[in-house]
N, C-alpha and C. Protein backbone atom coordinates (compact mmCIF):
# COMPACT_ATOMS: atom_id res chain seq x y z
N MET A 1 -15.39 -48.95 17.38
CA MET A 1 -14.30 -49.35 18.24
C MET A 1 -14.70 -50.63 19.00
N LEU A 2 -13.80 -51.58 19.06
CA LEU A 2 -14.08 -52.84 19.76
C LEU A 2 -13.94 -52.64 21.25
N ASP A 3 -14.89 -53.17 21.99
CA ASP A 3 -14.78 -53.14 23.44
C ASP A 3 -14.14 -54.44 23.92
N LYS A 4 -13.95 -54.57 25.22
CA LYS A 4 -13.29 -55.74 25.78
C LYS A 4 -14.03 -57.03 25.46
N LEU A 5 -15.33 -56.99 25.51
CA LEU A 5 -16.12 -58.19 25.24
C LEU A 5 -16.00 -58.60 23.77
N ASP A 6 -16.00 -57.62 22.87
CA ASP A 6 -15.82 -57.93 21.45
C ASP A 6 -14.44 -58.55 21.21
N THR A 7 -13.43 -58.00 21.87
CA THR A 7 -12.08 -58.54 21.73
C THR A 7 -12.02 -59.97 22.23
N PHE A 8 -12.63 -60.21 23.38
CA PHE A 8 -12.68 -61.56 23.93
C PHE A 8 -13.40 -62.50 22.96
N ASP A 9 -14.56 -62.09 22.46
CA ASP A 9 -15.32 -62.91 21.53
C ASP A 9 -14.52 -63.22 20.26
N ASN A 10 -13.77 -62.26 19.77
CA ASN A 10 -12.95 -62.49 18.59
C ASN A 10 -11.86 -63.53 18.87
N HIS A 11 -11.25 -63.45 20.05
CA HIS A 11 -10.23 -64.43 20.42
C HIS A 11 -10.85 -65.83 20.52
N VAL A 12 -12.03 -65.92 21.11
CA VAL A 12 -12.73 -67.22 21.21
C VAL A 12 -13.00 -67.76 19.82
N ARG A 13 -13.51 -66.93 18.94
CA ARG A 13 -13.83 -67.36 17.57
C ARG A 13 -12.59 -67.89 16.85
N GLU A 14 -11.48 -67.15 16.97
CA GLU A 14 -10.24 -67.56 16.31
C GLU A 14 -9.72 -68.88 16.88
N ARG A 15 -9.76 -69.00 18.21
CA ARG A 15 -9.27 -70.24 18.83
C ARG A 15 -10.17 -71.41 18.47
N ALA A 16 -11.48 -71.21 18.46
CA ALA A 16 -12.40 -72.29 18.10
C ALA A 16 -12.13 -72.77 16.68
N PHE A 17 -11.88 -71.86 15.78
CA PHE A 17 -11.58 -72.24 14.40
C PHE A 17 -10.29 -73.06 14.35
N THR A 18 -9.29 -72.63 15.09
CA THR A 18 -8.02 -73.35 15.12
C THR A 18 -8.21 -74.75 15.69
N LEU A 19 -8.96 -74.87 16.78
CA LEU A 19 -9.22 -76.18 17.38
C LEU A 19 -9.97 -77.08 16.40
N TRP A 20 -10.93 -76.50 15.70
CA TRP A 20 -11.72 -77.24 14.70
C TRP A 20 -10.81 -77.75 13.59
N GLU A 21 -9.93 -76.88 13.09
CA GLU A 21 -9.00 -77.28 12.03
C GLU A 21 -8.07 -78.39 12.51
N GLU A 22 -7.54 -78.23 13.73
CA GLU A 22 -6.63 -79.23 14.28
C GLU A 22 -7.31 -80.59 14.44
N ALA A 23 -8.62 -80.59 14.64
CA ALA A 23 -9.38 -81.83 14.79
C ALA A 23 -9.79 -82.42 13.44
N GLY A 24 -9.37 -81.80 12.36
CA GLY A 24 -9.68 -82.33 11.03
C GLY A 24 -10.97 -81.80 10.42
N CYS A 25 -11.45 -80.66 10.91
CA CYS A 25 -12.64 -79.99 10.38
C CYS A 25 -13.90 -80.87 10.41
N PRO A 26 -14.20 -81.47 11.57
CA PRO A 26 -15.38 -82.34 11.64
C PRO A 26 -16.68 -81.56 11.52
N ASP A 27 -17.66 -82.19 10.89
CA ASP A 27 -18.98 -81.58 10.75
C ASP A 27 -19.74 -81.64 12.07
N ASP A 28 -20.66 -80.72 12.24
CA ASP A 28 -21.62 -80.74 13.35
C ASP A 28 -21.01 -80.70 14.74
N ARG A 29 -19.83 -80.07 14.90
CA ARG A 29 -19.22 -79.96 16.23
C ARG A 29 -18.78 -78.54 16.55
N ALA A 30 -19.31 -77.57 15.83
CA ALA A 30 -18.90 -76.18 16.02
C ALA A 30 -19.12 -75.70 17.45
N GLU A 31 -20.26 -76.06 18.02
CA GLU A 31 -20.56 -75.62 19.39
C GLU A 31 -19.56 -76.18 20.40
N GLU A 32 -19.17 -77.42 20.22
CA GLU A 32 -18.18 -78.05 21.09
C GLU A 32 -16.87 -77.26 21.07
N PHE A 33 -16.41 -76.90 19.88
CA PHE A 33 -15.15 -76.17 19.76
C PHE A 33 -15.26 -74.75 20.31
N TRP A 34 -16.42 -74.14 20.13
CA TRP A 34 -16.63 -72.80 20.66
C TRP A 34 -16.56 -72.83 22.19
N HIS A 35 -17.22 -73.81 22.81
CA HIS A 35 -17.20 -73.91 24.27
C HIS A 35 -15.79 -74.19 24.79
N ARG A 36 -15.07 -75.07 24.12
CA ARG A 36 -13.69 -75.36 24.55
C ARG A 36 -12.83 -74.12 24.42
N ALA A 37 -12.97 -73.42 23.32
CA ALA A 37 -12.18 -72.21 23.11
C ALA A 37 -12.52 -71.15 24.15
N ARG A 38 -13.79 -71.01 24.45
CA ARG A 38 -14.23 -70.01 25.44
C ARG A 38 -13.62 -70.31 26.81
N GLU A 39 -13.59 -71.57 27.21
CA GLU A 39 -13.00 -71.95 28.49
C GLU A 39 -11.51 -71.62 28.53
N VAL A 40 -10.80 -71.93 27.45
CA VAL A 40 -9.37 -71.64 27.39
C VAL A 40 -9.13 -70.13 27.46
N GLU A 41 -9.89 -69.37 26.69
CA GLU A 41 -9.72 -67.91 26.70
C GLU A 41 -10.07 -67.32 28.07
N MET A 42 -11.10 -67.84 28.72
CA MET A 42 -11.45 -67.35 30.05
C MET A 42 -10.28 -67.58 31.01
N GLN A 43 -9.65 -68.74 30.92
CA GLN A 43 -8.50 -69.04 31.78
C GLN A 43 -7.34 -68.10 31.47
N GLU A 44 -7.07 -67.90 30.17
CA GLU A 44 -5.95 -67.04 29.78
C GLU A 44 -6.17 -65.59 30.18
N TYR A 45 -7.41 -65.12 30.07
CA TYR A 45 -7.73 -63.76 30.44
C TYR A 45 -7.93 -63.62 31.95
N GLY A 46 -8.08 -64.76 32.65
CA GLY A 46 -8.36 -64.73 34.08
C GLY A 46 -9.78 -64.25 34.37
N LEU A 47 -10.72 -64.64 33.51
CA LEU A 47 -12.10 -64.19 33.63
C LEU A 47 -13.00 -65.29 34.15
N SER A 48 -14.02 -64.89 34.88
CA SER A 48 -15.06 -65.80 35.33
C SER A 48 -16.33 -65.49 34.55
N GLU A 49 -17.34 -66.33 34.74
CA GLU A 49 -18.64 -66.06 34.13
C GLU A 49 -19.18 -64.71 34.62
N ALA A 50 -18.96 -64.42 35.90
CA ALA A 50 -19.43 -63.15 36.47
C ALA A 50 -18.73 -61.97 35.79
N ASP A 51 -17.43 -62.12 35.51
CA ASP A 51 -16.70 -61.05 34.81
C ASP A 51 -17.28 -60.79 33.43
N LEU A 52 -17.59 -61.87 32.71
CA LEU A 52 -18.15 -61.71 31.37
C LEU A 52 -19.54 -61.07 31.44
N LYS A 53 -20.30 -61.44 32.45
CA LYS A 53 -21.61 -60.83 32.62
C LYS A 53 -21.48 -59.34 32.90
N THR A 54 -20.52 -58.97 33.72
CA THR A 54 -20.28 -57.55 34.02
C THR A 54 -19.89 -56.79 32.76
N LEU A 55 -19.01 -57.38 31.95
CA LEU A 55 -18.62 -56.73 30.70
C LEU A 55 -19.83 -56.54 29.79
N ALA A 56 -20.69 -57.54 29.73
CA ALA A 56 -21.89 -57.45 28.89
C ALA A 56 -22.81 -56.35 29.40
N GLU A 57 -22.94 -56.25 30.70
CA GLU A 57 -23.81 -55.24 31.29
C GLU A 57 -23.27 -53.82 31.11
N GLU A 58 -21.94 -53.71 30.98
CA GLU A 58 -21.32 -52.40 30.79
C GLU A 58 -21.55 -51.84 29.40
N ARG A 59 -21.91 -52.71 28.46
CA ARG A 59 -22.20 -52.23 27.11
C ARG A 59 -23.42 -51.35 27.15
N SER A 60 -23.39 -50.31 26.35
CA SER A 60 -24.61 -49.49 26.26
C SER A 60 -25.61 -50.22 25.38
N PRO A 61 -26.90 -50.05 25.61
CA PRO A 61 -27.94 -50.81 24.90
C PRO A 61 -27.85 -50.76 23.39
N GLY A 62 -27.38 -49.69 22.81
CA GLY A 62 -27.35 -49.56 21.37
C GLY A 62 -26.10 -50.14 20.71
N ASP A 63 -25.17 -50.66 21.51
CA ASP A 63 -23.92 -51.15 20.95
C ASP A 63 -24.08 -52.36 20.04
N ASP A 64 -25.00 -53.27 20.40
CA ASP A 64 -25.15 -54.49 19.64
C ASP A 64 -26.58 -54.98 19.81
N ALA A 65 -27.40 -54.68 18.86
CA ALA A 65 -28.82 -55.00 18.96
C ALA A 65 -29.08 -56.50 19.06
N ASP A 66 -28.17 -57.33 18.53
CA ASP A 66 -28.37 -58.78 18.56
C ASP A 66 -27.84 -59.42 19.82
N PHE A 67 -27.14 -58.66 20.64
CA PHE A 67 -26.53 -59.22 21.84
C PHE A 67 -27.56 -59.41 22.92
N ALA A 68 -27.57 -60.58 23.53
CA ALA A 68 -28.50 -60.83 24.63
C ALA A 68 -27.78 -61.43 25.79
């Protein structure tokens, strides 16, 4: 089951891909589009960095071994 943070991350990923496509699929700029998408999604969700940190902390340790 997806939690709130996973849902947020999926929205960021989808928006970043859309922004990348709209920019003509430039090479070596994935991080730029991810950051822009994350900012837009944070605004749309009404989230702050502290909110995202809280969501991450609410995850149980075994939910995502690669998450840091």
